[in-house]
Each structure stands twice: as C-alpha cells, then as structure tokens.
Amino acid sequence: QHDDRPGFQYDHEAFLGKEEARSFDQLSPEESRERLGKIVDRIDDNKDGYITTEELKTWIKRVQKRYIYENVAKVWKDYDLNKDDKIAWEEYKQATYGYYL
C-alpha cells in the first residue's frame, strides 16, 4: 500500500491499463500469476530475465498512452453527435453542457 493512493488499484491500473486491470480482477490467483508472467516477459525488452526501472517506465508509458488513445476514441464518438468525424462547437457544447443549456 502506498501513501499516494489507498489500496492497490492505482498501481494495478498504471501497470495493466484500466480495462486490463478490470479483467484481472475476475481471475483466480493462479490465472493472474500466469498472465502477469507473460506480461513480465513482454516488459523485459533485453530478455535478460530482469526488469529494469527503464523497462518498467517504458511499459507504463506504453500502457498509459494506449489508455489515452482508447479514451479519446470513446469521447470522440460521444461528442461527434452527427457522426461526421468532426466535432463542431455546437456538438461539443451539447455533449458537455447539454442539460445546462
């Protein structure tokens, strides 16, 4: 446990990504250990059997970047009300402040 956030969920999501962390929550401890082992193999870029701080930082940045792109794609769909792949100011206002307007 860390003082910056209570529990393990923050680290869990940083390490796996939000969606992947949710799927891990459903696994048994054995399945979780097996899948984490496969992920650790992917993190170990130089395949020396150890994960360096740099390899871990690179992995977390990759996971967070994927989360950002997925989130932008989802939000884009929510804001692009007429589905023309553009977000007009009126669409943005409606999606953001709709019930206030």
C-alpha atoms as a PDB file:
ATOM      1  CA  GLN A   1       0.000   0.000   0.000  1.00  0.00           C
ATOM      2  CA  HIS A   2       1.203   3.498  -0.891  1.00  0.00           C
ATOM      3  CA  ASP A   3       0.554   6.787   0.827  1.00  0.00           C
ATOM      4  CA  ASP A   4      -0.285   8.455  -2.502  1.00  0.00           C
ATOM      5  CA  ARG A   5      -3.406   6.333  -3.060  1.00  0.00           C
ATOM      6  CA  PRO A   6      -5.158   3.834  -0.798  1.00  0.00           C
ATOM      7  CA  GLY A   7      -5.091   0.187  -1.939  1.00  0.00           C
ATOM      8  CA  PHE A   8      -3.518  -1.405  -4.976  1.00  0.00           C
ATOM      9  CA  GLN A   9      -5.993  -0.337  -7.680  1.00  0.00           C
ATOM     10  CA  TYR A  10      -3.962   2.746  -8.702  1.00  0.00           C
ATOM     11  CA  ASP A  11      -0.830   0.667  -9.318  1.00  0.00           C
ATOM     12  CA  HIS A  12      -2.878  -2.104 -10.869  1.00  0.00           C
ATOM     13  CA  GLU A  13      -4.315   0.294 -13.452  1.00  0.00           C
ATOM     14  CA  ALA A  14      -0.972   2.024 -14.088  1.00  0.00           C
ATOM     15  CA  PHE A  15       0.727  -1.305 -14.725  1.00  0.00           C
ATOM     16  CA  LEU A  16      -2.006  -3.009 -16.738  1.00  0.00           C
ATOM     17  CA  GLY A  17      -4.257  -0.252 -18.025  1.00  0.00           C
ATOM     18  CA  LYS A  18      -7.787   0.335 -16.822  1.00  0.00           C
ATOM     19  CA  GLU A  19      -9.557  -2.281 -18.961  1.00  0.00           C
ATOM     20  CA  GLU A  20      -6.912  -4.957 -18.458  1.00  0.00           C
ATOM     21  CA  ALA A  21      -6.929  -4.331 -14.699  1.00  0.00           C
ATOM     22  CA  ARG A  22     -10.686  -4.968 -14.666  1.00  0.00           C
ATOM     23  CA  SER A  23     -10.222  -8.280 -16.439  1.00  0.00           C
ATOM     24  CA  PHE A  24      -7.510  -9.279 -13.939  1.00  0.00           C
ATOM     25  CA  ASP A  25      -9.925  -8.595 -11.082  1.00  0.00           C
ATOM     26  CA  GLN A  26     -12.004 -11.516 -12.357  1.00  0.00           C
ATOM     27  CA  LEU A  27      -9.137 -14.036 -12.463  1.00  0.00           C
ATOM     28  CA  SER A  28      -8.157 -16.612  -9.897  1.00  0.00           C
ATOM     29  CA  PRO A  29      -4.752 -16.054  -8.218  1.00  0.00           C
ATOM     30  CA  GLU A  30      -3.230 -18.821 -10.369  1.00  0.00           C
ATOM     31  CA  GLU A  31      -4.552 -17.363 -13.626  1.00  0.00           C
ATOM     32  CA  SER A  32      -3.468 -13.895 -12.564  1.00  0.00           C
ATOM     33  CA  ARG A  33       0.064 -15.108 -11.803  1.00  0.00           C
ATOM     34  CA  GLU A  34       0.279 -16.880 -15.172  1.00  0.00           C
ATOM     35  CA  ARG A  35      -0.899 -13.836 -17.136  1.00  0.00           C
ATOM     36  CA  LEU A  36       1.375 -11.490 -15.178  1.00  0.00           C
ATOM     37  CA  GLY A  37       4.291 -13.775 -16.022  1.00  0.00           C
ATOM     38  CA  LYS A  38       3.538 -13.354 -19.718  1.00  0.00           C
ATOM     39  CA  ILE A  39       3.327  -9.586 -19.300  1.00  0.00           C
ATOM     40  CA  VAL A  40       6.638  -9.511 -17.429  1.00  0.00           C
ATOM     41  CA  ASP A  41       8.226 -11.358 -20.373  1.00  0.00           C
ATOM     42  CA  ARG A  42       6.933  -8.604 -22.675  1.00  0.00           C
ATOM     43  CA  ILE A  43       8.281  -5.868 -20.387  1.00  0.00           C
ATOM     44  CA  ASP A  44      11.777  -7.403 -20.302  1.00  0.00           C
ATOM     45  CA  ASP A  45      12.948  -5.827 -23.581  1.00  0.00           C
ATOM     46  CA  ASN A  46      16.503  -7.171 -23.470  1.00  0.00           C
ATOM     47  CA  LYS A  47      15.323 -10.652 -22.349  1.00  0.00           C
ATOM     48  CA  ASP A  48      17.862 -10.902 -19.521  1.00  0.00           C
ATOM     49  CA  GLY A  49      15.280 -12.226 -17.040  1.00  0.00           C
ATOM     50  CA  TYR A  50      15.142  -8.974 -15.062  1.00  0.00           C
ATOM     51  CA  ILE A  51      13.086  -5.820 -15.372  1.00  0.00           C
ATOM     52  CA  THR A  52      14.971  -2.575 -15.034  1.00  0.00           C
ATOM     53  CA  THR A  53      13.458   0.705 -13.917  1.00  0.00           C
ATOM     54  CA  GLU A  54      13.707   1.955 -17.500  1.00  0.00           C
ATOM     55  CA  GLU A  55      11.921  -1.114 -18.890  1.00  0.00           C
ATOM     56  CA  LEU A  56       9.150  -0.643 -16.326  1.00  0.00           C
ATOM     57  CA  LYS A  57       8.858   3.081 -17.110  1.00  0.00           C
ATOM     58  CA  THR A  58       8.657   2.305 -20.835  1.00  0.00           C
ATOM     59  CA  TRP A  59       5.950  -0.278 -20.211  1.00  0.00           C
ATOM     60  CA  ILE A  60       3.848   2.029 -18.024  1.00  0.00           C
ATOM     61  CA  LYS A  61       4.151   4.849 -20.582  1.00  0.00           C
ATOM     62  CA  ARG A  62       3.020   2.448 -23.328  1.00  0.00           C
ATOM     63  CA  VAL A  63       0.031   1.288 -21.265  1.00  0.00           C
ATOM     64  CA  GLN A  64      -0.966   4.844 -20.370  1.00  0.00           C
ATOM     65  CA  LYS A  65      -0.631   6.006 -23.981  1.00  0.00           C
ATOM     66  CA  ARG A  66      -2.895   3.151 -25.112  1.00  0.00           C
ATOM     67  CA  TYR A  67      -5.443   4.151 -22.454  1.00  0.00           C
ATOM     68  CA  ILE A  68      -5.351   7.776 -23.615  1.00  0.00           C
ATOM     69  CA  TYR A  69      -5.919   6.833 -27.263  1.00  0.00           C
ATOM     70  CA  GLU A  70      -8.783   4.496 -26.344  1.00  0.00           C
ATOM     71  CA  ASN A  71     -10.345   7.180 -24.154  1.00  0.00           C
ATOM     72  CA  VAL A  72     -10.055   9.830 -26.882  1.00  0.00           C
ATOM     73  CA  ALA A  73     -11.723   7.465 -29.372  1.00  0.00           C
ATOM     74  CA  LYS A  74     -14.600   6.835 -26.964  1.00  0.00           C
ATOM     75  CA  VAL A  75     -15.071  10.503 -26.099  1.00  0.00           C
ATOM     76  CA  TRP A  76     -14.876  11.417 -29.787  1.00  0.00           C
ATOM     77  CA  LYS A  77     -17.817   9.102 -30.514  1.00  0.00           C
ATOM     78  CA  ASP A  78     -19.784  10.659 -27.658  1.00  0.00           C
ATOM     79  CA  TYR A  79     -19.142  14.220 -28.861  1.00  0.00           C
ATOM     80  CA  ASP A  80     -19.493  13.653 -32.616  1.00  0.00           C
ATOM     81  CA  LEU A  81     -23.280  13.621 -32.427  1.00  0.00           C
ATOM     82  CA  ASN A  82     -23.901  13.682 -36.189  1.00  0.00           C
ATOM     83  CA  LYS A  83     -21.155  11.078 -36.840  1.00  0.00           C
ATOM     84  CA  ASP A  84     -19.283  13.101 -39.475  1.00  0.00           C
ATOM     85  CA  ASP A  85     -15.852  12.534 -37.833  1.00  0.00           C
ATOM     86  CA  LYS A  86     -15.747  16.190 -36.826  1.00  0.00           C
ATOM     87  CA  ILE A  87     -16.750  17.854 -33.588  1.00  0.00           C
ATOM     88  CA  ALA A  88     -18.469  21.160 -34.162  1.00  0.00           C
ATOM     89  CA  TRP A  89     -18.688  23.709 -31.377  1.00  0.00           C
ATOM     90  CA  GLU A  90     -22.443  23.071 -31.098  1.00  0.00           C
ATOM     91  CA  GLU A  91     -21.824  19.318 -30.684  1.00  0.00           C
ATOM     92  CA  TYR A  92     -19.191  19.972 -28.052  1.00  0.00           C
ATOM     93  CA  LYS A  93     -21.476  22.326 -26.123  1.00  0.00           C
ATOM     94  CA  GLN A  94     -24.357  19.855 -26.323  1.00  0.00           C
ATOM     95  CA  ALA A  95     -22.250  16.866 -25.202  1.00  0.00           C
ATOM     96  CA  THR A  96     -20.544  18.820 -22.428  1.00  0.00           C
ATOM     97  CA  TYR A  97     -23.219  21.159 -21.133  1.00  0.00           C
ATOM     98  CA  GLY A  98     -26.381  19.723 -22.714  1.00  0.00           C
ATOM     99  CA  TYR A  99     -28.708  19.701 -19.744  1.00  0.00           C
ATOM    100  CA  TYR A 100     -27.432  23.103 -18.537  1.00  0.00           C
ATOM    101  CA  LEU A 101     -28.305  24.693 -21.873  1.00  0.00           C
END
